Amino acid sequence: MKHLRKRSFRLAGHRTSVALEPEFWTALEALAARQALSLAALVAAVDAARPDPALPLASALRVHALRQHAPSQARPPG
C-alpha cells in the first residue's frame, strides 16, 4: 500500500495541508509546469474553482489531475 504524502499550502490567507498519493503529486507538478505555474498556484486555482466548498480539496485535486490527464474519460456519465 502506498503512503500518502502531505504538503502544506497557504490558501485564502490560511495554512492548509493536503495528503495525496505520490503519483497525484507528480501529475499535478507536471500540470503546473506545463502551465508555467508553481504547484502552490495550481492548488490555489483548483481551490478557488471548487463548485462545492464542501468538496475536500484533496478530492478536487485528484479530479483535476484526472481531467487534465484524460479529459474525455474523466467526466461523469450523463
N, C-alpha and C. Protein backbone atom coordinates (compact mmCIF):
# COMPACT_ATOMS: atom_id res chain seq x y z
N MET A 1 0.84 -1.19 0.00
CA MET A 1 0.00 0.00 0.00
C MET A 1 0.88 1.25 0.00
N LYS A 2 0.54 2.17 -0.85
CA LYS A 2 1.31 3.42 -0.93
C LYS A 2 0.88 4.36 0.19
N HIS A 3 1.81 5.10 0.67
CA HIS A 3 1.52 6.07 1.72
C HIS A 3 1.19 7.41 1.08
N LEU A 4 0.34 8.13 1.73
CA LEU A 4 0.01 9.48 1.28
C LEU A 4 1.17 10.41 1.62
N ARG A 5 1.38 11.39 0.77
CA ARG A 5 2.38 12.41 1.02
C ARG A 5 1.65 13.71 1.31
N LYS A 6 1.97 14.32 2.41
CA LYS A 6 1.29 15.54 2.83
C LYS A 6 2.12 16.75 2.45
N ARG A 7 1.43 17.77 1.93
CA ARG A 7 2.07 19.05 1.60
C ARG A 7 1.21 20.16 2.17
N SER A 8 1.86 21.24 2.54
CA SER A 8 1.15 22.38 3.12
C SER A 8 1.19 23.57 2.17
N PHE A 9 0.08 24.31 2.17
CA PHE A 9 -0.07 25.49 1.31
C PHE A 9 -0.77 26.58 2.08
N ARG A 10 -0.60 27.81 1.60
CA ARG A 10 -1.35 28.94 2.13
C ARG A 10 -2.43 29.27 1.11
N LEU A 11 -3.68 29.08 1.50
CA LEU A 11 -4.83 29.33 0.63
C LEU A 11 -5.77 30.31 1.30
N ALA A 12 -6.13 31.34 0.59
CA ALA A 12 -7.05 32.35 1.12
C ALA A 12 -6.59 32.85 2.49
N GLY A 13 -5.29 33.00 2.64
CA GLY A 13 -4.75 33.57 3.87
C GLY A 13 -4.56 32.61 5.03
N HIS A 14 -4.84 31.33 4.84
CA HIS A 14 -4.61 30.39 5.95
C HIS A 14 -3.86 29.17 5.44
N ARG A 15 -3.14 28.53 6.36
CA ARG A 15 -2.37 27.33 6.02
C ARG A 15 -3.30 26.13 6.01
N THR A 16 -3.07 25.27 5.05
CA THR A 16 -3.82 24.02 4.98
C THR A 16 -2.88 22.94 4.47
N SER A 17 -3.15 21.71 4.85
CA SER A 17 -2.36 20.58 4.39
C SER A 17 -3.24 19.67 3.56
N VAL A 18 -2.63 19.08 2.55
CA VAL A 18 -3.33 18.16 1.66
C VAL A 18 -2.48 16.89 1.57
N ALA A 19 -3.13 15.75 1.73
CA ALA A 19 -2.45 14.47 1.62
C ALA A 19 -2.95 13.75 0.37
N LEU A 20 -2.01 13.44 -0.52
CA LEU A 20 -2.32 12.73 -1.76
C LEU A 20 -1.28 11.64 -1.99
N GLU A 21 -1.62 10.70 -2.84
CA GLU A 21 -0.67 9.69 -3.25
C GLU A 21 0.44 10.37 -4.06
N PRO A 22 1.66 9.84 -3.97
CA PRO A 22 2.78 10.46 -4.70
C PRO A 22 2.51 10.61 -6.19
N GLU A 23 1.79 9.67 -6.79
CA GLU A 23 1.51 9.76 -8.23
C GLU A 23 0.66 10.98 -8.57
N PHE A 24 -0.27 11.34 -7.69
CA PHE A 24 -1.07 12.54 -7.94
C PHE A 24 -0.21 13.80 -7.81
N TRP A 25 0.69 13.84 -6.83
CA TRP A 25 1.57 15.00 -6.71
C TRP A 25 2.43 15.14 -7.97
N THR A 26 2.92 14.02 -8.49
CA THR A 26 3.74 14.05 -9.71
C THR A 26 2.93 14.60 -10.88
N ALA A 27 1.69 14.13 -11.01
CA ALA A 27 0.82 14.60 -12.10
C ALA A 27 0.53 16.09 -11.95
N LEU A 28 0.24 16.52 -10.74
CA LEU A 28 -0.07 17.94 -10.51
C LEU A 28 1.15 18.82 -10.74
N GLU A 29 2.33 18.36 -10.35
CA GLU A 29 3.56 19.12 -10.61
C GLU A 29 3.78 19.27 -12.12
N ALA A 30 3.52 18.20 -12.88
CA ALA A 30 3.68 18.27 -14.34
C ALA A 30 2.67 19.24 -14.94
N LEU A 31 1.43 19.21 -14.46
CA LEU A 31 0.42 20.15 -14.95
C LEU A 31 0.83 21.59 -14.65
N ALA A 32 1.31 21.83 -13.44
CA ALA A 32 1.74 23.18 -13.07
C ALA A 32 2.88 23.64 -13.97
N ALA A 33 3.83 22.76 -14.23
CA ALA A 33 4.96 23.13 -15.08
C ALA A 33 4.50 23.46 -16.50
N ARG A 34 3.56 22.66 -17.03
CA ARG A 34 3.05 22.92 -18.38
C ARG A 34 2.34 24.26 -18.46
N GLN A 35 1.75 24.68 -17.35
CA GLN A 35 1.02 25.95 -17.33
C GLN A 35 1.88 27.10 -16.82
N ALA A 36 3.15 26.84 -16.60
CA ALA A 36 4.10 27.83 -16.08
C ALA A 36 3.63 28.39 -14.74
N LEU A 37 3.12 27.51 -13.89
CA LEU A 37 2.66 27.88 -12.54
C LEU A 37 3.48 27.14 -11.51
N SER A 38 3.53 27.70 -10.32
CA SER A 38 4.07 26.93 -9.20
C SER A 38 3.00 25.93 -8.78
N LEU A 39 3.40 24.90 -8.07
CA LEU A 39 2.43 23.94 -7.55
C LEU A 39 1.43 24.65 -6.64
N ALA A 40 1.92 25.57 -5.82
CA ALA A 40 1.04 26.31 -4.92
C ALA A 40 0.00 27.11 -5.69
N ALA A 41 0.40 27.72 -6.80
CA ALA A 41 -0.55 28.50 -7.61
C ALA A 41 -1.60 27.59 -8.24
N LEU A 42 -1.19 26.41 -8.70
CA LEU A 42 -2.15 25.46 -9.26
C LEU A 42 -3.14 25.00 -8.19
N VAL A 43 -2.64 24.67 -7.02
CA VAL A 43 -3.52 24.24 -5.92
C VAL A 43 -4.50 25.36 -5.56
N ALA A 44 -4.01 26.60 -5.52
CA ALA A 44 -4.89 27.73 -5.21
C ALA A 44 -5.97 27.90 -6.28
N ALA A 45 -5.61 27.69 -7.55
CA ALA A 45 -6.59 27.81 -8.63
C ALA A 45 -7.65 26.72 -8.53
N VAL A 46 -7.25 25.50 -8.24
CA VAL A 46 -8.20 24.40 -8.08
C VAL A 46 -9.09 24.69 -6.87
N ASP A 47 -8.51 25.18 -5.80
CA ASP A 47 -9.28 25.51 -4.60
C ASP A 47 -10.33 26.57 -4.91
N ALA A 48 -9.94 27.60 -5.63
CA ALA A 48 -10.86 28.70 -5.95
C ALA A 48 -11.97 28.26 -6.91
N ALA A 49 -11.70 27.25 -7.72
CA ALA A 49 -12.67 26.80 -8.73
C ALA A 49 -13.60 25.70 -8.23
N ARG A 50 -13.42 25.25 -6.99
CA ARG A 50 -14.29 24.18 -6.48
C ARG A 50 -15.73 24.64 -6.50
N PRO A 51 -16.63 23.92 -7.21
CA PRO A 51 -18.03 24.34 -7.27
C PRO A 51 -18.74 24.18 -5.93
N ASP A 52 -18.28 23.24 -5.13
CA ASP A 52 -18.88 22.99 -3.82
C ASP A 52 -17.78 23.06 -2.78
N PRO A 53 -17.77 24.10 -1.93
CA PRO A 53 -16.70 24.23 -0.95
C PRO A 53 -16.65 23.06 0.04
N ALA A 54 -17.72 22.28 0.11
CA ALA A 54 -17.73 21.11 0.99
C ALA A 54 -16.92 19.96 0.40
N LEU A 55 -16.64 20.02 -0.91
CA LEU A 55 -15.82 19.00 -1.55
C LEU A 55 -14.40 19.12 -1.01
N PRO A 56 -13.85 18.04 -0.48
CA PRO A 56 -12.48 18.12 0.06
C PRO A 56 -11.48 18.55 -1.02
N LEU A 57 -10.53 19.37 -0.62
CA LEU A 57 -9.52 19.84 -1.57
C LEU A 57 -8.75 18.67 -2.17
N ALA A 58 -8.44 17.66 -1.39
CA ALA A 58 -7.72 16.50 -1.92
C ALA A 58 -8.51 15.85 -3.05
N SER A 59 -9.81 15.73 -2.87
CA SER A 59 -10.65 15.15 -3.92
C SER A 59 -10.66 16.04 -5.15
N ALA A 60 -10.78 17.34 -4.96
CA ALA A 60 -10.79 18.27 -6.09
C ALA A 60 -9.47 18.19 -6.86
N LEU A 61 -8.36 18.04 -6.16
CA LEU A 61 -7.06 17.93 -6.83
C LEU A 61 -6.94 16.63 -7.61
N ARG A 62 -7.43 15.54 -7.04
CA ARG A 62 -7.40 14.26 -7.76
C ARG A 62 -8.23 14.34 -9.04
N VAL A 63 -9.44 14.89 -8.93
CA VAL A 63 -10.32 15.01 -10.09
C VAL A 63 -9.68 15.92 -11.14
N HIS A 64 -9.09 17.02 -10.70
CA HIS A 64 -8.43 17.93 -11.63
C HIS A 64 -7.31 17.21 -12.39
N ALA A 65 -6.49 16.47 -11.66
CA ALA A 65 -5.39 15.74 -12.31
C ALA A 65 -5.94 14.74 -13.32
N LEU A 66 -6.98 14.04 -12.95
CA LEU A 66 -7.59 13.07 -13.87
C LEU A 66 -8.16 13.74 -15.11
N ARG A 67 -8.87 14.82 -14.91
CA ARG A 67 -9.49 15.52 -16.05
C ARG A 67 -8.45 16.08 -17.00
N GLN A 68 -7.34 16.53 -16.47
CA GLN A 68 -6.29 17.08 -17.32
C GLN A 68 -5.54 15.97 -18.05
N HIS A 69 -5.44 14.83 -17.40
CA HIS A 69 -4.72 13.70 -18.00
C HIS A 69 -5.53 13.02 -19.10
N ALA A 70 -6.80 12.80 -18.85
CA ALA A 70 -7.66 12.11 -19.82
C ALA A 70 -9.03 12.77 -19.79
N PRO A 71 -9.14 13.98 -20.37
CA PRO A 71 -10.37 14.76 -20.24
C PRO A 71 -11.66 14.03 -20.66
N SER A 72 -11.62 13.28 -21.73
CA SER A 72 -12.85 12.63 -22.19
C SER A 72 -13.24 11.45 -21.33
N GLN A 73 -12.30 10.87 -20.61
CA GLN A 73 -12.58 9.70 -19.79
C GLN A 73 -12.87 10.06 -18.33
N ALA A 74 -12.62 11.28 -17.93
CA ALA A 74 -12.75 11.64 -16.52
C ALA A 74 -14.05 12.39 -16.21
N ARG A 75 -14.94 12.45 -17.15
CA ARG A 75 -16.22 13.12 -16.93
C ARG A 75 -17.25 12.11 -16.45
N PRO A 76 -18.10 12.50 -15.51
CA PRO A 76 -19.14 11.57 -15.07
C PRO A 76 -20.15 11.33 -16.19
N PRO A 77 -20.71 10.13 -16.25
CA PRO A 77 -21.70 9.86 -17.29
C PRO A 77 -22.95 10.70 -17.10
N GLY A 78 -23.63 10.97 -18.18
CA GLY A 78 -24.89 11.70 -18.05
C GLY A 78 -25.03 12.82 -18.93
